[in-house]
């Protein structure tokens, strides 16, 4: 009876792990879609309102939630302090503080950090070009992840269930 209960528990936990792994990709897609929305708002602030970066990120922070709200408000606060840091340094610092706990993987974070090199010190047309390039990158990344999730979710779920079954068979 104890072996049966342990076997059911093992199968359940391994299956849950497989489903959790599949849901992580969905979380990453959702977060990147939110980042894309943030850059769309930034594009509007730069293009139509010709808003300075500090005010643009304060405005965007009002529209965002969670991690991205913290990122935008933290960035605007640091820009407003005028401590002699470059925009690039501020961008990287706030990215490291705010986004390291996000669902982004290392490549996403590196790409996000690199934006700080290109944004903030140029005229508004160049800033729009940088934002447009980032929006295209995010669109491509999201589409690739949607294909990947379709392929991998079945594998993760099946692997979780079958590994639970294998462990249970080995233990019994």
Protein backbone atom coordinates (compact mmCIF):
# COMPACT_ATOMS: atom_id res chain seq x y z
CA UNK A 1 0.00 0.00 0.00
CA UNK A 2 2.86 2.37 0.85
CA UNK A 3 4.61 1.51 -2.42
CA UNK A 4 1.43 2.26 -4.35
CA UNK A 5 1.02 5.63 -2.63
CA UNK A 6 4.69 6.45 -3.24
CA UNK A 7 4.37 5.43 -6.90
CA UNK A 8 1.31 7.63 -7.40
CA UNK A 9 3.10 10.52 -5.70
CA UNK A 10 6.18 10.07 -7.92
CA UNK A 11 4.10 9.90 -11.10
CA UNK A 12 2.15 12.99 -10.06
CA UNK A 13 5.27 15.00 -9.16
CA UNK A 14 7.16 14.11 -12.33
CA UNK A 15 4.09 14.90 -14.42
CA UNK A 16 3.67 18.24 -12.65
CA UNK A 17 7.33 19.02 -13.34
CA UNK A 18 6.76 18.34 -17.05
CA UNK A 19 3.72 20.62 -17.13
CA UNK A 20 5.62 23.30 -15.18
CA UNK A 21 8.51 23.20 -17.66
CA UNK A 22 6.07 23.63 -20.55
CA UNK A 23 4.36 26.56 -18.81
CA UNK A 24 7.71 28.36 -18.37
CA UNK A 25 7.89 28.89 -22.12
CA UNK A 26 4.37 30.37 -22.06
CA UNK A 27 5.48 32.74 -19.29
CA UNK A 28 8.47 33.85 -21.34
CA UNK A 29 6.27 34.50 -24.38
CA UNK A 30 3.82 36.54 -22.30
CA UNK A 31 6.63 38.59 -20.76
CA UNK A 32 8.23 39.30 -24.16
CA UNK A 33 4.82 40.40 -25.45
CA UNK A 34 4.64 42.83 -22.52
CA UNK A 35 8.15 44.10 -23.35
CA UNK A 36 7.01 44.58 -26.94
CA UNK A 37 4.02 46.59 -25.70
CA UNK A 38 6.38 48.70 -23.57
CA UNK A 39 8.52 49.49 -26.63
CA UNK A 40 5.39 50.30 -28.62
CA UNK A 41 4.46 52.83 -25.93
CA UNK A 42 8.01 54.20 -25.99
CA UNK A 43 7.80 54.56 -29.75
CA UNK A 44 4.60 56.57 -29.38
CA UNK A 45 6.12 58.79 -26.70
CA UNK A 46 9.19 59.48 -28.86
CA UNK A 47 7.42 59.84 -32.20
CA UNK A 48 4.23 61.71 -31.41
CA UNK A 49 4.85 63.54 -28.14
CA UNK A 50 8.63 64.06 -28.59
CA UNK A 51 8.85 63.32 -24.87
CA UNK A 52 12.26 63.27 -23.13
CA UNK A 53 13.33 59.82 -21.92
CA UNK A 54 12.68 60.48 -18.24
CA UNK A 55 9.11 61.63 -18.82
CA UNK A 56 8.52 58.89 -21.40
CA UNK A 57 9.49 56.16 -18.94
CA UNK A 58 7.40 57.74 -16.16
CA UNK A 59 4.44 57.73 -18.54
CA UNK A 60 5.07 54.13 -19.58
CA UNK A 61 5.40 53.06 -15.93
CA UNK A 62 1.82 54.25 -15.39
CA UNK A 63 0.64 51.87 -18.12
CA UNK A 64 2.69 48.81 -17.11
CA UNK A 65 2.46 46.33 -14.26
CA UNK A 66 4.85 44.30 -12.16
CA UNK A 67 8.46 43.95 -13.22
CA UNK A 68 8.20 46.28 -16.22
CA UNK A 69 6.55 48.99 -14.10
CA UNK A 70 9.46 48.72 -11.65
CA UNK A 71 11.93 48.84 -14.54
CA UNK A 72 10.37 51.94 -16.15
CA UNK A 73 9.92 53.88 -12.92
CA UNK A 74 13.42 52.93 -11.72
CA UNK A 75 14.91 54.02 -15.04
CA UNK A 76 13.04 57.33 -14.96
CA UNK A 77 14.10 57.94 -11.34
CA UNK A 78 17.77 57.28 -12.13
CA UNK A 79 17.68 59.49 -15.23
CA UNK A 80 16.11 62.24 -13.11
CA UNK A 81 18.86 62.11 -10.48
CA UNK A 82 21.40 63.44 -12.99
CA UNK A 83 24.38 61.87 -11.23
CA UNK A 84 26.60 62.02 -14.29
CA UNK A 85 26.01 58.43 -15.36
CA UNK A 86 25.50 57.68 -19.01
CA UNK A 87 22.13 56.39 -20.20
CA UNK A 88 23.82 53.12 -21.08
CA UNK A 89 25.10 52.63 -17.53
CA UNK A 90 21.71 53.50 -16.03
CA UNK A 91 19.92 51.14 -18.46
CA UNK A 92 22.24 48.23 -17.61
CA UNK A 93 22.05 48.91 -13.86
CA UNK A 94 18.24 49.03 -13.81
CA UNK A 95 18.03 46.00 -16.10
CA UNK A 96 20.23 44.03 -13.72
CA UNK A 97 18.19 45.13 -10.71
CA UNK A 98 14.68 44.79 -12.17
CA UNK A 99 14.74 42.13 -14.87
CA UNK A 100 16.99 39.37 -13.54
CA UNK A 101 13.96 37.75 -11.88
CA UNK A 102 11.87 37.96 -15.03
CA UNK A 103 11.09 34.98 -17.28
CA UNK A 104 13.69 36.23 -19.79
CA UNK A 105 16.58 33.90 -20.50
CA UNK A 106 20.22 35.00 -20.78
CA UNK A 107 20.04 35.80 -24.50
CA UNK A 108 16.94 37.96 -23.96
CA UNK A 109 18.64 39.84 -21.13
CA UNK A 110 21.81 40.39 -23.19
CA UNK A 111 19.73 41.77 -26.07
CA UNK A 112 17.83 43.98 -23.63
CA UNK A 113 21.07 45.29 -22.07
CA UNK A 114 22.44 46.08 -25.54
CA UNK A 115 19.57 48.48 -26.19
CA UNK A 116 21.07 50.86 -23.64
CA UNK A 117 24.07 51.35 -25.94
CA UNK A 118 21.88 52.56 -28.75
CA UNK A 119 19.09 54.43 -27.00
CA UNK A 120 19.00 57.68 -25.07
CA UNK A 121 21.70 59.91 -26.47
CA UNK A 122 20.70 60.20 -30.13
CA UNK A 123 18.15 62.39 -31.84
CA UNK A 124 14.58 61.19 -31.88
CA UNK A 125 14.76 59.74 -35.42
CA UNK A 126 17.65 57.46 -34.44
CA UNK A 127 15.83 56.51 -31.24
CA UNK A 128 12.78 55.58 -33.31
CA UNK A 129 14.98 53.44 -35.54
CA UNK A 130 16.40 51.64 -32.48
CA UNK A 131 12.91 51.06 -31.08
CA UNK A 132 11.70 49.79 -34.47
CA UNK A 133 14.60 47.35 -34.71
CA UNK A 134 13.85 46.10 -31.19
CA UNK A 135 10.16 45.70 -32.02
CA UNK A 136 11.08 43.60 -35.08
CA UNK A 137 13.46 41.51 -32.98
CA UNK A 138 10.80 40.92 -30.33
CA UNK A 139 8.22 39.96 -32.95
CA UNK A 140 10.59 37.43 -34.47
CA UNK A 141 11.59 36.08 -31.05
CA UNK A 142 7.94 35.70 -29.97
CA UNK A 143 7.04 33.90 -33.21
CA UNK A 144 10.01 31.54 -32.80
CA UNK A 145 9.01 30.82 -29.20
CA UNK A 146 5.43 30.07 -30.26
CA UNK A 147 6.75 27.48 -32.70
CA UNK A 148 9.09 26.13 -30.02
CA UNK A 149 6.34 25.85 -27.41
CA UNK A 150 4.18 23.91 -29.84
CA UNK A 151 7.02 21.46 -30.37
CA UNK A 152 8.34 21.21 -26.84
CA UNK A 153 5.21 21.26 -24.69
CA UNK A 154 4.24 17.75 -25.74
CA UNK A 155 7.78 16.52 -25.14
CA UNK A 156 8.00 18.08 -21.66
CA UNK A 157 4.63 16.73 -20.61
CA UNK A 158 5.25 13.24 -21.96
CA UNK A 159 8.75 13.17 -20.50
CA UNK A 160 7.36 14.12 -17.09
CA UNK A 161 4.73 11.39 -17.14
CA UNK A 162 7.04 8.70 -18.53
CA UNK A 163 9.89 9.52 -16.15
CA UNK A 164 7.43 9.21 -13.26
CA UNK A 165 6.28 5.87 -14.57
CA UNK A 166 9.85 4.63 -15.04
CA UNK A 167 10.90 5.65 -11.53
CA UNK A 168 7.80 4.00 -10.10
CA UNK A 169 8.46 0.77 -12.01
CA UNK A 170 12.07 0.77 -10.83
CA UNK A 171 11.05 1.28 -7.21
CA UNK A 172 8.35 -1.38 -7.23
